[in-house]
Structure formats: structure tokens, C-alpha cells
């Protein structure tokens, strides 16, 4: 059985959407919602705002209530009938995220066994046939085929096959029925 590894943030979880809502509601900014979805937040926010945002992200509980991406649960469940599914999430940068992410995955994707959840830094250590991730840096050293999941911070990236939502993942990986 082929192995399919999925990133969590901005692939399974709508993390960017939560960050945009925080910026619009809690930050003093003239940026619009449209602008906050147009590029990487690091390119749009003042360094002091980025520091504040990183503190929020690293707060216990931040990842606990991130919304699931549309159609992710159903699609991943169907994929699990054809692939060995793993989730690999880079959480070393935000160590307080471990428990939240583990609990979030158990709540929304309970059909993925805990043995198939990988908390890591660099994802080039993974052994998998495919990796779906929103960060090109995670795909760069990956030995299988990297699939880029569209996010505001990767819109100009052209080096990888791309999917923009879970219906496109289904179209790419599921047999025609």
C-alpha cells in the first residue's frame, strides 16, 4: 500500500484563516482581509506585529480550535481506504503546540492511529511516497513526490505539482468511481 503523508497546518487545518481573524480583530492594522490572503504574513506585517503573532501562536490552546479545511475529514477518510495515511506536522518552532495538535487530530481525524502521527522539524526525514504540504521548504528534500497545497505564502512557487483544496486532492489520489 502506498504511503501518503499530510501536513496539518494550512493543509488539514485552516490555520491561516485563524491568524487572519486574529489580525483583523486584535491588531491595529489598515490591511484588509483580501490583502492578508494575498501574500505571506511575514511580508505584510510589521516586525512588532509578527513578534506578537508568534507569541499568540506559541500560547497553549492556540491550535486547539483551528477550523478543519473544507472536505478534509471526508477526503482523508476515503483516502485511508487506498493509502497508508500519516500526518507530519512541524511543531518544533512552537513547542506548546504538541498537545493541542495531538488532541485536534484525535478529535477530527480519530481514524488516523496515533502511531501514524509524526511531530518533527524537517520533513526530509520522512519515508513516504507522497507528502502534501503548504511549505516548499518541506518538499525540497523530501525523497517521494511533494505536492504543494496552495496557501498565501506559496502563491508564486512553481516547482511542484499543486492542489488548492481537498476536492483536487481527491481528484489526484482517488480512483474514478
N, C-alpha and C. Protein backbone atom coordinates (compact mmCIF):
# COMPACT_ATOMS: atom_id res chain seq x y z
N UNK A 1 0.86 -1.19 0.00
CA UNK A 1 0.00 0.00 0.00
C UNK A 1 0.90 1.24 0.00
N UNK A 2 0.58 2.19 -0.87
CA UNK A 2 1.35 3.43 -0.92
C UNK A 2 1.11 4.25 0.34
N UNK A 3 2.12 5.02 0.71
CA UNK A 3 2.05 5.86 1.91
C UNK A 3 1.86 7.31 1.50
N UNK A 4 0.85 7.96 2.09
CA UNK A 4 0.53 9.35 1.83
C UNK A 4 0.65 10.11 3.15
N UNK A 5 1.53 11.10 3.18
CA UNK A 5 1.74 11.89 4.38
C UNK A 5 1.17 13.29 4.17
N UNK A 6 0.43 13.74 5.17
CA UNK A 6 -0.27 15.02 5.11
C UNK A 6 0.27 15.97 6.17
N UNK A 7 0.49 17.19 5.78
CA UNK A 7 0.81 18.24 6.74
C UNK A 7 -0.50 18.64 7.43
N UNK A 8 -0.39 19.22 8.60
CA UNK A 8 -1.58 19.63 9.33
C UNK A 8 -1.95 21.09 9.02
N UNK A 9 -1.08 22.03 9.39
CA UNK A 9 -1.42 23.45 9.29
C UNK A 9 -1.49 23.91 7.84
N UNK A 10 -2.61 24.52 7.51
CA UNK A 10 -2.92 25.04 6.18
C UNK A 10 -3.01 23.97 5.11
N UNK A 11 -3.13 22.71 5.55
CA UNK A 11 -3.46 21.60 4.66
C UNK A 11 -4.73 20.94 5.20
N UNK A 12 -4.66 20.43 6.42
CA UNK A 12 -5.83 19.85 7.08
C UNK A 12 -6.56 20.89 7.92
N UNK A 13 -5.80 21.79 8.51
CA UNK A 13 -6.33 22.81 9.42
C UNK A 13 -6.25 24.19 8.78
N UNK A 14 -7.23 25.00 9.02
CA UNK A 14 -7.31 26.34 8.44
C UNK A 14 -6.57 27.36 9.34
N UNK A 15 -5.30 27.14 9.55
CA UNK A 15 -4.51 27.95 10.47
C UNK A 15 -4.40 29.40 9.99
N UNK A 16 -4.16 29.59 8.71
CA UNK A 16 -4.03 30.96 8.19
C UNK A 16 -5.31 31.76 8.42
N UNK A 17 -6.45 31.11 8.26
CA UNK A 17 -7.73 31.79 8.49
C UNK A 17 -7.83 32.26 9.93
N UNK A 18 -7.40 31.44 10.87
CA UNK A 18 -7.44 31.85 12.28
C UNK A 18 -6.51 33.03 12.51
N UNK A 19 -5.33 33.01 11.90
CA UNK A 19 -4.39 34.13 12.06
C UNK A 19 -4.96 35.41 11.46
N UNK A 20 -5.59 35.31 10.31
CA UNK A 20 -6.20 36.49 9.69
C UNK A 20 -7.27 37.07 10.60
N UNK A 21 -8.10 36.23 11.18
CA UNK A 21 -9.15 36.71 12.10
C UNK A 21 -8.54 37.40 13.31
N UNK A 22 -7.47 36.87 13.85
CA UNK A 22 -6.79 37.50 14.99
C UNK A 22 -6.26 38.87 14.59
N UNK A 23 -5.61 38.94 13.43
CA UNK A 23 -5.04 40.21 12.97
C UNK A 23 -6.14 41.25 12.77
N UNK A 24 -7.21 40.86 12.12
CA UNK A 24 -8.29 41.81 11.84
C UNK A 24 -9.02 42.25 13.11
N UNK A 25 -9.14 41.37 14.09
CA UNK A 25 -9.89 41.69 15.30
C UNK A 25 -9.06 42.23 16.44
N UNK A 26 -7.79 41.87 16.53
CA UNK A 26 -6.98 42.21 17.71
C UNK A 26 -5.78 43.10 17.43
N UNK A 27 -5.47 43.33 16.17
CA UNK A 27 -4.31 44.16 15.82
C UNK A 27 -4.80 45.50 15.28
N UNK A 28 -3.97 46.50 15.45
CA UNK A 28 -4.25 47.79 14.83
C UNK A 28 -3.61 47.73 13.44
N UNK A 29 -4.46 47.60 12.42
CA UNK A 29 -3.93 47.45 11.06
C UNK A 29 -4.88 48.05 10.04
N UNK A 30 -4.30 48.51 8.95
CA UNK A 30 -5.11 49.00 7.83
C UNK A 30 -5.22 47.93 6.74
N UNK A 31 -4.59 46.79 6.97
CA UNK A 31 -4.65 45.71 6.00
C UNK A 31 -6.08 45.14 5.92
N UNK A 32 -6.48 44.80 4.70
CA UNK A 32 -7.80 44.21 4.51
C UNK A 32 -7.68 42.69 4.53
N UNK A 33 -8.82 42.03 4.66
CA UNK A 33 -8.84 40.57 4.62
C UNK A 33 -8.26 40.07 3.31
N UNK A 34 -8.62 40.71 2.21
CA UNK A 34 -8.11 40.32 0.90
C UNK A 34 -6.59 40.42 0.87
N UNK A 35 -6.04 41.48 1.40
CA UNK A 35 -4.58 41.65 1.43
C UNK A 35 -3.92 40.57 2.28
N UNK A 36 -4.54 40.19 3.38
CA UNK A 36 -3.97 39.19 4.28
C UNK A 36 -3.98 37.78 3.67
N UNK A 37 -4.75 37.59 2.62
CA UNK A 37 -4.75 36.32 1.89
C UNK A 37 -3.91 36.39 0.61
N UNK A 38 -3.29 37.54 0.34
CA UNK A 38 -2.58 37.73 -0.94
C UNK A 38 -1.11 37.34 -0.90
N UNK A 39 -0.52 37.32 0.30
CA UNK A 39 0.92 37.03 0.43
C UNK A 39 1.18 36.48 1.83
N UNK A 40 2.41 36.09 2.05
CA UNK A 40 2.82 35.60 3.36
C UNK A 40 2.65 36.72 4.39
N UNK A 41 2.19 36.36 5.58
CA UNK A 41 2.00 37.36 6.63
C UNK A 41 3.32 38.03 7.00
N UNK A 42 4.42 37.30 6.91
CA UNK A 42 5.74 37.88 7.22
C UNK A 42 6.10 39.01 6.26
N UNK A 43 5.49 39.01 5.08
CA UNK A 43 5.73 40.07 4.10
C UNK A 43 4.77 41.25 4.27
N UNK A 44 3.75 41.07 5.07
CA UNK A 44 2.71 42.11 5.21
C UNK A 44 2.74 42.83 6.56
N UNK A 45 3.15 42.13 7.61
CA UNK A 45 3.07 42.68 8.95
C UNK A 45 4.37 43.36 9.37
N UNK A 46 4.23 44.32 10.25
CA UNK A 46 5.38 44.99 10.87
C UNK A 46 6.09 43.96 11.77
N UNK A 47 7.41 44.05 11.91
CA UNK A 47 8.12 43.10 12.78
C UNK A 47 7.55 42.98 14.20
N UNK A 48 7.08 44.08 14.76
CA UNK A 48 6.48 44.02 16.10
C UNK A 48 5.18 43.22 16.07
N UNK A 49 4.42 43.36 15.00
CA UNK A 49 3.19 42.58 14.85
C UNK A 49 3.51 41.10 14.68
N UNK A 50 4.57 40.80 13.94
CA UNK A 50 4.98 39.40 13.77
C UNK A 50 5.40 38.79 15.10
N UNK A 51 6.12 39.55 15.90
CA UNK A 51 6.53 39.07 17.23
C UNK A 51 5.31 38.78 18.08
N UNK A 52 4.34 39.69 18.06
CA UNK A 52 3.10 39.49 18.81
C UNK A 52 2.36 38.25 18.31
N UNK A 53 2.29 38.08 16.99
CA UNK A 53 1.61 36.94 16.41
C UNK A 53 2.30 35.62 16.80
N UNK A 54 3.63 35.61 16.80
CA UNK A 54 4.37 34.40 17.19
C UNK A 54 4.10 34.05 18.66
N UNK A 55 3.97 35.06 19.51
CA UNK A 55 3.63 34.79 20.93
C UNK A 55 2.24 34.16 21.03
N UNK A 56 1.31 34.65 20.24
CA UNK A 56 -0.05 34.11 20.24
C UNK A 56 -0.03 32.66 19.75
N UNK A 57 0.70 32.42 18.66
CA UNK A 57 0.78 31.07 18.10
C UNK A 57 1.38 30.10 19.10
N UNK A 58 2.35 30.56 19.88
CA UNK A 58 3.03 29.68 20.83
C UNK A 58 2.30 29.58 22.18
N UNK A 59 1.16 30.22 22.29
CA UNK A 59 0.37 30.14 23.52
C UNK A 59 -0.37 28.81 23.58
N UNK A 60 -0.38 28.18 24.76
CA UNK A 60 -1.17 26.94 24.88
C UNK A 60 -2.63 27.22 24.49
N UNK A 61 -3.20 26.34 23.71
CA UNK A 61 -4.59 26.48 23.29
C UNK A 61 -4.78 27.06 21.90
N UNK A 62 -3.74 27.67 21.33
CA UNK A 62 -3.91 28.30 20.02
C UNK A 62 -4.39 27.29 18.97
N UNK A 63 -3.76 26.13 18.92
CA UNK A 63 -4.08 25.15 17.88
C UNK A 63 -5.30 24.29 18.21
N UNK A 64 -5.82 24.43 19.41
CA UNK A 64 -6.91 23.55 19.87
C UNK A 64 -8.20 23.73 19.08
N UNK A 65 -8.47 24.94 18.61
CA UNK A 65 -9.76 25.19 17.98
C UNK A 65 -9.65 25.76 16.57
N UNK A 66 -8.60 25.40 15.86
CA UNK A 66 -8.48 25.80 14.46
C UNK A 66 -9.52 25.01 13.66
N UNK A 67 -10.19 25.67 12.74
CA UNK A 67 -11.20 25.01 11.91
C UNK A 67 -10.55 24.01 10.96
N UNK A 68 -11.27 22.96 10.65
CA UNK A 68 -10.81 21.96 9.69
C UNK A 68 -11.08 22.50 8.28
N UNK A 69 -10.15 22.26 7.37
CA UNK A 69 -10.35 22.67 5.98
C UNK A 69 -11.56 21.94 5.39
N UNK A 70 -12.29 22.63 4.55
CA UNK A 70 -13.49 22.09 3.92
C UNK A 70 -13.16 20.77 3.20
N UNK A 71 -13.97 19.76 3.46
CA UNK A 71 -13.88 18.43 2.85
C UNK A 71 -12.68 17.60 3.29
N UNK A 72 -11.87 18.11 4.21
CA UNK A 72 -10.67 17.38 4.61
C UNK A 72 -11.00 16.06 5.31
N UNK A 73 -11.92 16.09 6.25
CA UNK A 73 -12.22 14.87 7.02
C UNK A 73 -12.72 13.76 6.11
N UNK A 74 -13.70 14.07 5.29
CA UNK A 74 -14.28 13.06 4.42
C UNK A 74 -13.26 12.54 3.41
N UNK A 75 -12.47 13.45 2.84
CA UNK A 75 -11.49 13.04 1.83
C UNK A 75 -10.39 12.20 2.45
N UNK A 76 -9.86 12.61 3.59
CA UNK A 76 -8.81 11.84 4.24
C UNK A 76 -9.34 10.46 4.64
N UNK A 77 -10.57 10.41 5.12
CA UNK A 77 -11.16 9.12 5.49
C UNK A 77 -11.24 8.19 4.27
N UNK A 78 -11.67 8.73 3.14
CA UNK A 78 -11.74 7.93 1.91
C UNK A 78 -10.33 7.54 1.45
N UNK A 79 -9.39 8.46 1.51
CA UNK A 79 -8.01 8.15 1.14
C UNK A 79 -7.44 7.01 1.97
N UNK A 80 -7.86 6.93 3.23
CA UNK A 80 -7.33 5.90 4.14
C UNK A 80 -7.72 4.48 3.71
N UNK A 81 -8.67 4.39 2.81
CA UNK A 81 -9.06 3.07 2.27
C UNK A 81 -8.10 2.61 1.18
N UNK A 82 -7.34 3.55 0.61
CA UNK A 82 -6.44 3.25 -0.51
C UNK A 82 -4.96 3.47 -0.18
N UNK A 83 -4.68 4.25 0.87
CA UNK A 83 -3.31 4.62 1.22
C UNK A 83 -3.09 4.42 2.71
N UNK A 84 -1.84 4.21 3.07
CA UNK A 84 -1.46 4.27 4.47
C UNK A 84 -1.26 5.76 4.78
N UNK A 85 -2.09 6.32 5.64
CA UNK A 85 -2.10 7.76 5.91
C UNK A 85 -1.25 8.08 7.14
N UNK A 86 -0.37 9.08 6.98
CA UNK A 86 0.40 9.64 8.08
C UNK A 86 0.14 11.14 8.12
N UNK A 87 0.26 11.72 9.29
CA UNK A 87 0.23 13.17 9.44
C UNK A 87 1.58 13.57 10.00
N UNK A 88 2.23 14.52 9.34
CA UNK A 88 3.51 15.04 9.81
C UNK A 88 3.37 16.54 9.98
N UNK A 89 3.54 16.99 11.20
CA UNK A 89 3.41 18.41 11.48
C UNK A 89 4.67 18.92 12.15
N UNK A 90 5.19 19.99 11.60
CA UNK A 90 6.41 20.59 12.13
C UNK A 90 6.03 21.49 13.30
N UNK A 91 6.26 21.02 14.50
CA UNK A 91 5.84 21.82 15.66
C UNK A 91 7.00 22.16 16.59
N UNK A 92 8.22 21.95 16.15
CA UNK A 92 9.37 22.27 16.98
C UNK A 92 9.50 23.78 17.21
N UNK A 93 9.06 24.55 16.23
CA UNK A 93 9.13 26.01 16.34
C UNK A 93 8.19 26.53 17.42
N UNK A 94 7.06 25.82 17.63
CA UNK A 94 6.07 26.21 18.62
C UNK A 94 5.82 25.04 19.57
N UNK A 95 6.71 24.83 20.54
CA UNK A 95 6.63 23.64 21.39
C UNK A 95 5.33 23.50 22.18
N UNK A 96 4.64 24.59 22.45
CA UNK A 96 3.37 24.48 23.17
C UNK A 96 2.27 23.88 22.31
N UNK A 97 2.55 23.66 21.03
CA UNK A 97 1.51 23.17 20.12
C UNK A 97 1.33 21.65 20.18
N UNK A 98 2.27 20.91 20.74
CA UNK A 98 2.21 19.45 20.72
C UNK A 98 0.85 18.90 21.19
N UNK A 99 0.46 19.23 22.39
CA UNK A 99 -0.78 18.67 22.97
C UNK A 99 -2.00 19.12 22.16
N UNK A 100 -2.04 20.41 21.82
CA UNK A 100 -3.17 20.93 21.05
C UNK A 100 -3.31 20.20 19.72
N UNK A 101 -2.20 20.03 19.03
CA UNK A 101 -2.24 19.38 17.72
C UNK A 101 -2.64 17.92 17.84
N UNK A 102 -2.09 17.24 18.82
CA UNK A 102 -2.43 15.83 19.01
C UNK A 102 -3.93 15.69 19.31
N UNK A 103 -4.43 16.52 20.23
CA UNK A 103 -5.86 16.47 20.58
C UNK A 103 -6.74 16.85 19.40
N UNK A 104 -6.32 17.85 18.61
CA UNK A 104 -7.07 18.29 17.45
C UNK A 104 -7.18 17.14 16.45
N UNK A 105 -6.07 16.48 16.19
CA UNK A 105 -6.09 15.35 15.25
C UNK A 105 -6.99 14.23 15.76
N UNK A 106 -6.91 13.95 17.05
CA UNK A 106 -7.76 12.89 17.62
C UNK A 106 -9.25 13.26 17.52
N UNK A 107 -9.55 14.52 17.73
CA UNK A 107 -10.95 14.98 17.67
C UNK A 107 -11.51 14.90 16.24
N UNK A 108 -10.75 15.37 15.27
CA UNK A 108 -11.27 15.49 13.91
C UNK A 108 -10.92 14.31 13.00
N UNK A 109 -9.81 13.63 13.28
CA UNK A 109 -9.34 12.55 12.42
C UNK A 109 -9.03 11.32 13.27
N UNK A 110 -9.98 10.92 14.09
CA UNK A 110 -9.77 9.82 15.04
C UNK A 110 -9.48 8.50 14.35
N UNK A 111 -9.78 8.39 13.07
CA UNK A 111 -9.50 7.17 12.32
C UNK A 111 -8.01 7.04 11.95
N UNK A 112 -7.23 8.11 12.16
CA UNK A 112 -5.78 8.02 11.95
C UNK A 112 -5.16 7.61 13.29
N UNK A 113 -4.49 6.45 13.33
CA UNK A 113 -3.93 5.99 14.60
C UNK A 113 -2.80 6.89 15.10
N UNK A 114 -2.64 6.95 16.40
CA UNK A 114 -1.60 7.79 17.00
C UNK A 114 -0.22 7.38 16.49
N UNK A 115 -0.06 6.13 16.11
CA UNK A 115 1.22 5.65 15.59
C UNK A 115 1.56 6.26 14.24
N UNK A 116 0.59 6.89 13.59
CA UNK A 116 0.80 7.49 12.28
C UNK A 116 0.85 9.01 12.34
N UNK A 117 1.12 9.54 13.52
CA UNK A 117 1.26 10.99 13.70
C UNK A 117 2.71 11.27 14.04
N UNK A 118 3.33 12.16 13.25
CA UNK A 118 4.75 12.47 13.40
C UNK A 118 4.89 13.96 13.72
N UNK A 119 5.49 14.25 14.85
CA UNK A 119 5.86 15.62 15.21
C UNK A 119 7.34 15.77 14.88
N UNK A 120 7.66 16.76 14.04
CA UNK A 120 9.04 16.84 13.58
C UNK A 120 9.44 18.28 13.31
N UNK A 121 10.68 18.43 12.89
CA UNK A 121 11.20 19.70 12.39
C UNK A 121 11.22 19.60 10.87
N UNK A 122 12.38 19.20 10.35
CA UNK A 122 12.49 19.00 8.90
C UNK A 122 11.76 17.74 8.47
N UNK A 123 11.04 17.84 7.38
CA UNK A 123 10.25 16.70 6.91
C UNK A 123 11.00 15.82 5.91
N UNK A 124 12.26 16.19 5.62
CA UNK A 124 13.03 15.35 4.71
C UNK A 124 13.43 14.03 5.36
N UNK A 125 13.17 13.86 6.64
CA UNK A 125 13.44 12.59 7.32
C UNK A 125 12.34 11.56 7.06
N UNK A 126 11.21 12.00 6.50
CA UNK A 126 10.06 11.13 6.31
C UNK A 126 10.27 10.13 5.19
N UNK A 127 9.74 8.95 5.39
CA UNK A 127 9.72 7.94 4.35
C UNK A 127 8.26 7.77 3.92
N UNK A 128 7.95 8.26 2.74
CA UNK A 128 6.58 8.23 2.25
C UNK A 128 6.62 8.36 0.74
N UNK A 129 5.58 7.88 0.09
CA UNK A 129 5.51 8.02 -1.36
C UNK A 129 5.13 9.44 -1.77
N UNK A 130 4.25 10.05 -0.97
CA UNK A 130 3.78 11.41 -1.25
C UNK A 130 3.73 12.22 0.04
N UNK A 131 3.99 13.51 -0.09
CA UNK A 131 3.84 14.46 1.00
C UNK A 131 3.05 15.64 0.47
N UNK A 132 1.92 15.93 1.09
CA UNK A 132 1.13 17.12 0.75
C UNK A 132 1.40 18.15 1.84
N UNK A 133 1.97 19.27 1.44
CA UNK A 133 2.41 20.29 2.39
C UNK A 133 2.26 21.66 1.76
N UNK A 134 2.11 22.69 2.59
CA UNK A 134 1.98 24.05 2.07
C UNK A 134 3.31 24.80 2.01
N UNK A 135 4.37 24.22 2.57
CA UNK A 135 5.67 24.90 2.56
C UNK A 135 6.64 24.22 1.61
N UNK A 136 7.08 24.92 0.57
CA UNK A 136 8.05 24.33 -0.36
C UNK A 136 9.31 23.83 0.34
N UNK A 137 9.73 24.47 1.43
CA UNK A 137 10.94 24.03 2.14
C UNK A 137 10.78 22.60 2.66
N UNK A 138 9.55 22.19 2.98
CA UNK A 138 9.32 20.83 3.46
C UNK A 138 9.35 19.82 2.31
N UNK A 139 9.07 20.28 1.12
CA UNK A 139 9.07 19.40 -0.04
C UNK A 139 10.46 19.29 -0.67
N UNK A 140 11.31 20.28 -0.43
CA UNK A 140 12.60 20.37 -1.11
C UNK A 140 13.48 19.13 -0.93
N UNK A 141 13.63 18.64 0.27
CA UNK A 141 14.49 17.48 0.49
C UNK A 141 13.75 16.17 0.61
N UNK A 142 12.46 16.21 0.39
CA UNK A 142 11.63 15.02 0.53
C UNK A 142 11.94 14.04 -0.59
N UNK A 143 12.10 12.76 -0.26
CA UNK A 143 12.51 11.74 -1.24
C UNK A 143 11.37 11.25 -2.14
N UNK A 144 10.12 11.31 -1.68
CA UNK A 144 8.98 10.92 -2.51
C UNK A 144 8.54 12.09 -3.37
N UNK A 145 7.28 12.08 -3.80
CA UNK A 145 6.76 13.20 -4.58
C UNK A 145 6.08 14.20 -3.66
N UNK A 146 6.54 15.43 -3.73
CA UNK A 146 5.94 16.51 -2.95
C UNK A 146 4.82 17.17 -3.73
N UNK A 147 3.69 17.37 -3.07
CA UNK A 147 2.54 18.05 -3.65
C UNK A 147 2.31 19.31 -2.83
N UNK A 148 2.30 20.46 -3.48
CA UNK A 148 2.15 21.73 -2.78
C UNK A 148 0.67 22.08 -2.63
N UNK A 149 0.23 22.28 -1.38
CA UNK A 149 -1.14 22.70 -1.10
C UNK A 149 -1.14 24.23 -1.09
N UNK A 150 -1.94 24.83 -1.91
CA UNK A 150 -1.95 26.28 -2.08
C UNK A 150 -2.26 27.01 -0.77
N UNK A 151 -1.44 28.02 -0.49
CA UNK A 151 -1.61 28.89 0.67
C UNK A 151 -1.06 30.27 0.28
N UNK A 152 -1.46 31.33 0.98
CA UNK A 152 -1.00 32.67 0.61
C UNK A 152 0.53 32.80 0.53
N UNK A 153 1.25 32.06 1.35
CA UNK A 153 2.71 32.19 1.37
C UNK A 153 3.41 31.40 0.26
N UNK A 154 2.66 30.66 -0.58
CA UNK A 154 3.34 29.90 -1.64
C UNK A 154 2.77 30.17 -3.03
N UNK A 155 2.03 31.26 -3.19
CA UNK A 155 1.35 31.53 -4.45
C UNK A 155 2.29 31.67 -5.64
N UNK A 156 3.51 32.12 -5.43
CA UNK A 156 4.43 32.31 -6.55
C UNK A 156 5.31 31.08 -6.81
N UNK A 157 5.19 30.06 -5.99
CA UNK A 157 6.01 28.85 -6.14
C UNK A 157 5.54 28.04 -7.35
N UNK A 158 6.49 27.65 -8.19
CA UNK A 158 6.13 26.91 -9.40
C UNK A 158 6.84 25.56 -9.52
N UNK A 159 7.62 25.18 -8.53
CA UNK A 159 8.45 24.00 -8.64
C UNK A 159 7.79 22.67 -8.32
N UNK A 160 6.51 22.66 -7.97
CA UNK A 160 5.84 21.43 -7.53
C UNK A 160 4.45 21.31 -8.13
N UNK A 161 3.99 20.08 -8.24
CA UNK A 161 2.59 19.87 -8.58
C UNK A 161 1.77 20.48 -7.44
N UNK A 162 0.63 21.06 -7.76
CA UNK A 162 -0.12 21.84 -6.78
C UNK A 162 -1.57 21.38 -6.70
N UNK A 163 -2.10 21.42 -5.47
CA UNK A 163 -3.54 21.26 -5.24
C UNK A 163 -4.00 22.46 -4.43
N UNK A 164 -5.24 22.87 -4.66
CA UNK A 164 -5.74 24.06 -3.98
C UNK A 164 -6.80 23.78 -2.94
N UNK A 165 -7.34 22.57 -2.94
CA UNK A 165 -8.35 22.21 -1.95
C UNK A 165 -8.47 20.70 -1.91
N UNK A 166 -9.34 20.21 -1.03
CA UNK A 166 -9.44 18.77 -0.85
C UNK A 166 -10.15 18.06 -2.00
N UNK A 167 -10.96 18.78 -2.78
CA UNK A 167 -11.55 18.14 -3.96
C UNK A 167 -10.46 17.86 -4.99
N UNK A 168 -9.48 18.71 -5.09
CA UNK A 168 -8.36 18.47 -6.00
C UNK A 168 -7.46 17.33 -5.50
N UNK A 169 -7.33 17.20 -4.18
CA UNK A 169 -6.58 16.07 -3.62
C UNK A 169 -7.31 14.78 -3.99
N UNK A 170 -8.63 14.76 -3.81
CA UNK A 170 -9.42 13.59 -4.15
C UNK A 170 -9.28 13.25 -5.63
N UNK A 171 -9.34 14.24 -6.47
CA UNK A 171 -9.22 14.03 -7.92
C UNK A 171 -7.85 13.44 -8.27
N UNK A 172 -6.82 13.88 -7.59
CA UNK A 172 -5.46 13.42 -7.86
C UNK A 172 -5.19 12.02 -7.34
N UNK A 173 -5.72 11.68 -6.16
CA UNK A 173 -5.33 10.46 -5.49
C UNK A 173 -6.37 9.34 -5.43
N UNK A 174 -7.62 9.65 -5.67
CA UNK A 174 -8.65 8.62 -5.56
C UNK A 174 -9.03 8.06 -6.92
N UNK A 175 -9.34 6.78 -6.96
CA UNK A 175 -9.75 6.19 -8.23
C UNK A 175 -11.10 6.75 -8.68
N UNK A 176 -11.32 6.71 -9.97
CA UNK A 176 -12.60 7.17 -10.53
C UNK A 176 -13.64 6.09 -10.23
N UNK A 177 -14.75 6.53 -9.66
CA UNK A 177 -15.81 5.57 -9.33
C UNK A 177 -17.05 5.81 -10.17
